[in-house]
Amino acid sequence: MTDIELRESLAYSTTVRRLLQNLGYFGHFLHVHAGGRSGKQHILTAIYQNGGNIAQSDLAKQSCVSTASLSEVIAKLETGGFISRVRSATDGRQLDIQLTPAGTEKARELVAAKLAFENEAFTCLDEDKRAELLDMLDRIAANWRAIEAREREEAC
């Protein structure tokens, strides 16, 4: 394709482009409103789901972020009075992260808001349409995983 043809093809709105734009919006919306995978909201709810106490190393494994990024989020949560760091009772080299009462309350609010969103998010679809959408998204995810695997192989 020539440069002109490539530029012209970008100018047209296609079904595939609209799908990708919508998926991008959904990803952005979920990241902003559900705390992403690394933000304070996600970290607070992860600690809450673990009973309000978790080893910092375990939290790092669960959160899929660098230890530096996690340390930054933990420092902000500690400064905000939502968590405290204490030496592990079983391994003095480890730090445990514990929710404070304020952190527990905030985590409860976040979980309640997440559940409320989940209850409302797909009310525009009946159960059959939800199942159909889930099936389509599962197939798309499998296809994208295959594309990602192929790209990783080609990069080597």
C-alpha atoms as a PDB file:
ATOM      1  CA  MET A   1       0.000   0.000   0.000  1.00  0.00           C
ATOM      2  CA  THR A   2       1.141   3.516  -0.703  1.00  0.00           C
ATOM      3  CA  ASP A   3       1.275   6.203   1.998  1.00  0.00           C
ATOM      4  CA  ILE A   4      -1.808   7.847   0.522  1.00  0.00           C
ATOM      5  CA  GLU A   5      -3.750   4.570   0.604  1.00  0.00           C
ATOM      6  CA  LEU A   6      -2.674   3.930   4.192  1.00  0.00           C
ATOM      7  CA  ARG A   7      -3.734   7.434   5.293  1.00  0.00           C
ATOM      8  CA  GLU A   8      -7.066   7.142   3.487  1.00  0.00           C
ATOM      9  CA  SER A   9      -7.786   3.779   5.082  1.00  0.00           C
ATOM     10  CA  LEU A  10      -7.327   5.369   8.521  1.00  0.00           C
ATOM     11  CA  ALA A  11      -9.911   8.030   7.655  1.00  0.00           C
ATOM     12  CA  TYR A  12     -12.739   5.523   7.234  1.00  0.00           C
ATOM     13  CA  SER A  13     -14.669   4.291  10.223  1.00  0.00           C
ATOM     14  CA  THR A  14     -14.956   0.548  10.043  1.00  0.00           C
ATOM     15  CA  THR A  15     -16.739  -1.937  12.249  1.00  0.00           C
ATOM     16  CA  VAL A  16     -13.394  -3.292  13.454  1.00  0.00           C
ATOM     17  CA  ARG A  17     -12.136   0.203  14.295  1.00  0.00           C
ATOM     18  CA  ARG A  18     -15.352   0.963  16.234  1.00  0.00           C
ATOM     19  CA  LEU A  19     -14.991  -2.324  18.129  1.00  0.00           C
ATOM     20  CA  LEU A  20     -11.408  -1.483  19.060  1.00  0.00           C
ATOM     21  CA  GLN A  21     -12.349   2.056  20.087  1.00  0.00           C
ATOM     22  CA  ASN A  22     -15.140   0.732  22.297  1.00  0.00           C
ATOM     23  CA  LEU A  23     -12.844  -1.874  23.829  1.00  0.00           C
ATOM     24  CA  GLY A  24     -10.314   0.894  24.478  1.00  0.00           C
ATOM     25  CA  TYR A  25     -12.999   2.958  26.189  1.00  0.00           C
ATOM     26  CA  PHE A  26     -14.077  -0.021  28.298  1.00  0.00           C
ATOM     27  CA  GLY A  27     -10.470  -0.657  29.328  1.00  0.00           C
ATOM     28  CA  HIS A  28     -10.002   2.993  30.253  1.00  0.00           C
ATOM     29  CA  PHE A  29     -13.311   3.093  32.131  1.00  0.00           C
ATOM     30  CA  LEU A  30     -12.496  -0.031  34.130  1.00  0.00           C
ATOM     31  CA  HIS A  31      -8.976   1.188  34.887  1.00  0.00           C
ATOM     32  CA  VAL A  32     -10.176   4.579  36.121  1.00  0.00           C
ATOM     33  CA  HIS A  33     -13.275   3.387  37.958  1.00  0.00           C
ATOM     34  CA  ALA A  34     -12.023   0.061  39.275  1.00  0.00           C
ATOM     35  CA  GLY A  35      -8.530   1.141  40.284  1.00  0.00           C
ATOM     36  CA  GLY A  36      -6.581  -0.646  37.580  1.00  0.00           C
ATOM     37  CA  ARG A  37      -4.181  -3.357  38.705  1.00  0.00           C
ATOM     38  CA  SER A  38      -1.717  -1.172  40.555  1.00  0.00           C
ATOM     39  CA  GLY A  39      -3.537   1.764  42.100  1.00  0.00           C
ATOM     40  CA  LYS A  40      -4.459   2.435  45.699  1.00  0.00           C
ATOM     41  CA  GLN A  41      -7.975   1.056  45.197  1.00  0.00           C
ATOM     42  CA  HIS A  42      -6.698  -2.262  43.900  1.00  0.00           C
ATOM     43  CA  ILE A  43      -4.098  -2.601  46.641  1.00  0.00           C
ATOM     44  CA  LEU A  44      -6.606  -1.804  49.401  1.00  0.00           C
ATOM     45  CA  THR A  45      -9.116  -4.343  48.114  1.00  0.00           C
ATOM     46  CA  ALA A  46      -6.401  -6.977  47.658  1.00  0.00           C
ATOM     47  CA  ILE A  47      -5.376  -6.569  51.306  1.00  0.00           C
ATOM     48  CA  TYR A  48      -9.040  -6.617  52.362  1.00  0.00           C
ATOM     49  CA  GLN A  49      -9.680  -9.819  50.383  1.00  0.00           C
ATOM     50  CA  ASN A  50      -6.761 -11.381  52.235  1.00  0.00           C
ATOM     51  CA  GLY A  51      -8.369 -10.718  55.617  1.00  0.00           C
ATOM     52  CA  GLY A  52      -6.806  -7.296  56.145  1.00  0.00           C
ATOM     53  CA  ASN A  53      -3.227  -8.567  56.452  1.00  0.00           C
ATOM     54  CA  ILE A  54      -0.754  -9.730  53.818  1.00  0.00           C
ATOM     55  CA  ALA A  55       2.999 -10.061  53.443  1.00  0.00           C
ATOM     56  CA  GLN A  56       4.368  -7.309  51.228  1.00  0.00           C
ATOM     57  CA  SER A  57       6.093  -9.913  49.048  1.00  0.00           C
ATOM     58  CA  ASP A  58       2.788 -11.768  48.522  1.00  0.00           C
ATOM     59  CA  LEU A  59       1.063  -8.508  47.678  1.00  0.00           C
ATOM     60  CA  ALA A  60       3.772  -7.803  45.093  1.00  0.00           C
ATOM     61  CA  LYS A  61       3.113 -11.174  43.438  1.00  0.00           C
ATOM     62  CA  GLN A  62      -0.648 -10.598  43.365  1.00  0.00           C
ATOM     63  CA  SER A  63      -0.564  -7.040  42.090  1.00  0.00           C
ATOM     64  CA  CYS A  64       1.591  -7.612  38.982  1.00  0.00           C
ATOM     65  CA  VAL A  65       3.524  -4.355  39.433  1.00  0.00           C
ATOM     66  CA  SER A  66       7.156  -3.637  40.083  1.00  0.00           C
ATOM     67  CA  THR A  67       8.292  -3.597  43.685  1.00  0.00           C
ATOM     68  CA  ALA A  68       9.208   0.082  43.289  1.00  0.00           C
ATOM     69  CA  SER A  69       5.688   0.983  42.119  1.00  0.00           C
ATOM     70  CA  LEU A  70       4.131  -1.085  44.879  1.00  0.00           C
ATOM     71  CA  SER A  71       6.355   0.567  47.487  1.00  0.00           C
ATOM     72  CA  GLU A  72       5.211   3.974  46.245  1.00  0.00           C
ATOM     73  CA  VAL A  73       1.525   3.017  46.520  1.00  0.00           C
ATOM     74  CA  ILE A  74       2.089   1.476  49.956  1.00  0.00           C
ATOM     75  CA  ALA A  75       3.839   4.635  51.152  1.00  0.00           C
ATOM     76  CA  LYS A  76       0.892   6.754  49.991  1.00  0.00           C
ATOM     77  CA  LEU A  77      -1.604   4.445  51.702  1.00  0.00           C
ATOM     78  CA  GLU A  78       0.460   4.494  54.884  1.00  0.00           C
ATOM     79  CA  THR A  79       0.710   8.287  54.821  1.00  0.00           C
ATOM     80  CA  GLY A  80      -3.057   8.439  54.307  1.00  0.00           C
ATOM     81  CA  GLY A  81      -3.614   6.296  57.392  1.00  0.00           C
ATOM     82  CA  PHE A  82      -5.114   3.357  55.466  1.00  0.00           C
ATOM     83  CA  ILE A  83      -2.417   0.770  56.202  1.00  0.00           C
ATOM     84  CA  SER A  84       0.444   0.088  58.557  1.00  0.00           C
ATOM     85  CA  ARG A  85       3.610  -1.913  57.989  1.00  0.00           C
ATOM     86  CA  VAL A  86       4.793  -4.279  60.691  1.00  0.00           C
ATOM     87  CA  ARG A  87       7.481  -6.926  60.897  1.00  0.00           C
ATOM     88  CA  SER A  88       6.149 -10.413  60.272  1.00  0.00           C
ATOM     89  CA  ALA A  89       5.664 -12.482  63.416  1.00  0.00           C
ATOM     90  CA  THR A  90       6.844 -15.598  61.559  1.00  0.00           C
ATOM     91  CA  ASP A  91       9.741 -14.054  59.592  1.00  0.00           C
ATOM     92  CA  GLY A  92      11.339 -10.902  60.964  1.00  0.00           C
ATOM     93  CA  ARG A  93      12.843 -10.119  57.553  1.00  0.00           C
ATOM     94  CA  GLN A  94       9.373  -9.753  56.015  1.00  0.00           C
ATOM     95  CA  LEU A  95       7.014  -6.819  56.271  1.00  0.00           C
ATOM     96  CA  ASP A  96       3.308  -7.418  56.685  1.00  0.00           C
ATOM     97  CA  ILE A  97       0.835  -4.871  55.424  1.00  0.00           C
ATOM     98  CA  GLN A  98      -2.224  -4.429  57.641  1.00  0.00           C
ATOM     99  CA  LEU A  99      -5.339  -2.401  57.056  1.00  0.00           C
ATOM    100  CA  THR A 100      -6.059   0.221  59.691  1.00  0.00           C
ATOM    101  CA  PRO A 101      -9.693   0.766  60.708  1.00  0.00           C
ATOM    102  CA  ALA A 102      -9.831   3.630  58.180  1.00  0.00           C
ATOM    103  CA  GLY A 103      -8.317   1.340  55.527  1.00  0.00           C
ATOM    104  CA  THR A 104     -10.833  -1.394  56.267  1.00  0.00           C
ATOM    105  CA  GLU A 105     -13.701   1.085  55.959  1.00  0.00           C
ATOM    106  CA  LYS A 106     -12.330   2.461  52.673  1.00  0.00           C
ATOM    107  CA  ALA A 107     -11.819  -1.063  51.297  1.00  0.00           C
ATOM    108  CA  ARG A 108     -15.395  -1.985  52.252  1.00  0.00           C
ATOM    109  CA  GLU A 109     -16.657   1.104  50.393  1.00  0.00           C
ATOM    110  CA  LEU A 110     -14.584   0.201  47.331  1.00  0.00           C
ATOM    111  CA  VAL A 111     -15.844  -3.398  47.309  1.00  0.00           C
ATOM    112  CA  ALA A 112     -19.450  -2.238  47.728  1.00  0.00           C
ATOM    113  CA  ALA A 113     -19.037   0.229  44.833  1.00  0.00           C
ATOM    114  CA  LYS A 114     -17.486  -2.494  42.663  1.00  0.00           C
ATOM    115  CA  LEU A 115     -20.342  -4.878  43.405  1.00  0.00           C
ATOM    116  CA  ALA A 116     -22.900  -2.153  42.682  1.00  0.00           C
ATOM    117  CA  PHE A 117     -21.226  -1.463  39.327  1.00  0.00           C
ATOM    118  CA  GLU A 118     -21.153  -5.169  38.493  1.00  0.00           C
ATOM    119  CA  ASN A 119     -24.878  -5.385  39.250  1.00  0.00           C
ATOM    120  CA  GLU A 120     -25.636  -2.423  36.975  1.00  0.00           C
ATOM    121  CA  ALA A 121     -23.065  -2.782  34.196  1.00  0.00           C
ATOM    122  CA  PHE A 122     -24.973  -5.212  32.015  1.00  0.00           C
ATOM    123  CA  THR A 123     -28.583  -4.463  32.888  1.00  0.00           C
ATOM    124  CA  CYS A 124     -29.025  -3.349  29.278  1.00  0.00           C
ATOM    125  CA  LEU A 125     -28.654  -7.021  28.263  1.00  0.00           C
ATOM    126  CA  ASP A 126     -30.816  -9.980  29.191  1.00  0.00           C
ATOM    127  CA  GLU A 127     -29.193 -13.215  30.407  1.00  0.00           C
ATOM    128  CA  ASP A 128     -29.049 -14.749  26.913  1.00  0.00           C
ATOM    129  CA  LYS A 129     -27.314 -11.671  25.475  1.00  0.00           C
ATOM    130  CA  ARG A 130     -24.868 -11.621  28.402  1.00  0.00           C
ATOM    131  CA  ALA A 131     -23.958 -15.259  27.756  1.00  0.00           C
ATOM    132  CA  GLU A 132     -23.596 -14.531  24.040  1.00  0.00           C
ATOM    133  CA  LEU A 133     -21.353 -11.523  24.747  1.00  0.00           C
ATOM    134  CA  LEU A 134     -19.239 -13.542  27.164  1.00  0.00           C
ATOM    135  CA  ASP A 135     -18.764 -16.260  24.573  1.00  0.00           C
ATOM    136  CA  MET A 136     -17.704 -13.718  21.953  1.00  0.00           C
ATOM    137  CA  LEU A 137     -15.301 -11.998  24.352  1.00  0.00           C
ATOM    138  CA  ASP A 138     -13.792 -15.366  25.328  1.00  0.00           C
ATOM    139  CA  ARG A 139     -13.156 -16.119  21.646  1.00  0.00           C
ATOM    140  CA  ILE A 140     -11.631 -12.660  21.076  1.00  0.00           C
ATOM    141  CA  ALA A 141      -9.401 -13.049  24.153  1.00  0.00           C
ATOM    142  CA  ALA A 142      -8.198 -16.450  22.954  1.00  0.00           C
ATOM    143  CA  ASN A 143      -7.419 -14.989  19.527  1.00  0.00           C
ATOM    144  CA  TRP A 144      -5.531 -12.039  21.039  1.00  0.00           C
ATOM    145  CA  ARG A 145      -3.519 -14.407  23.267  1.00  0.00           C
ATOM    146  CA  ALA A 146      -2.556 -16.367  20.144  1.00  0.00           C
ATOM    147  CA  ILE A 147      -1.516 -13.142  18.385  1.00  0.00           C
ATOM    148  CA  GLU A 148       0.531 -12.131  21.433  1.00  0.00           C
ATOM    149  CA  ALA A 149       2.239 -15.542  21.581  1.00  0.00           C
ATOM    150  CA  ARG A 150       3.047 -15.391  17.869  1.00  0.00           C
ATOM    151  CA  GLU A 151       4.513 -11.884  18.230  1.00  0.00           C
ATOM    152  CA  ARG A 152       6.670 -13.021  21.153  1.00  0.00           C
ATOM    153  CA  GLU A 153       7.978 -15.939  19.066  1.00  0.00           C
ATOM    154  CA  GLU A 154       8.694 -13.671  16.115  1.00  0.00           C
ATOM    155  CA  ALA A 155      10.584 -11.238  18.362  1.00  0.00           C
ATOM    156  CA  CYS A 156      13.049 -13.947  19.432  1.00  0.00           C
END
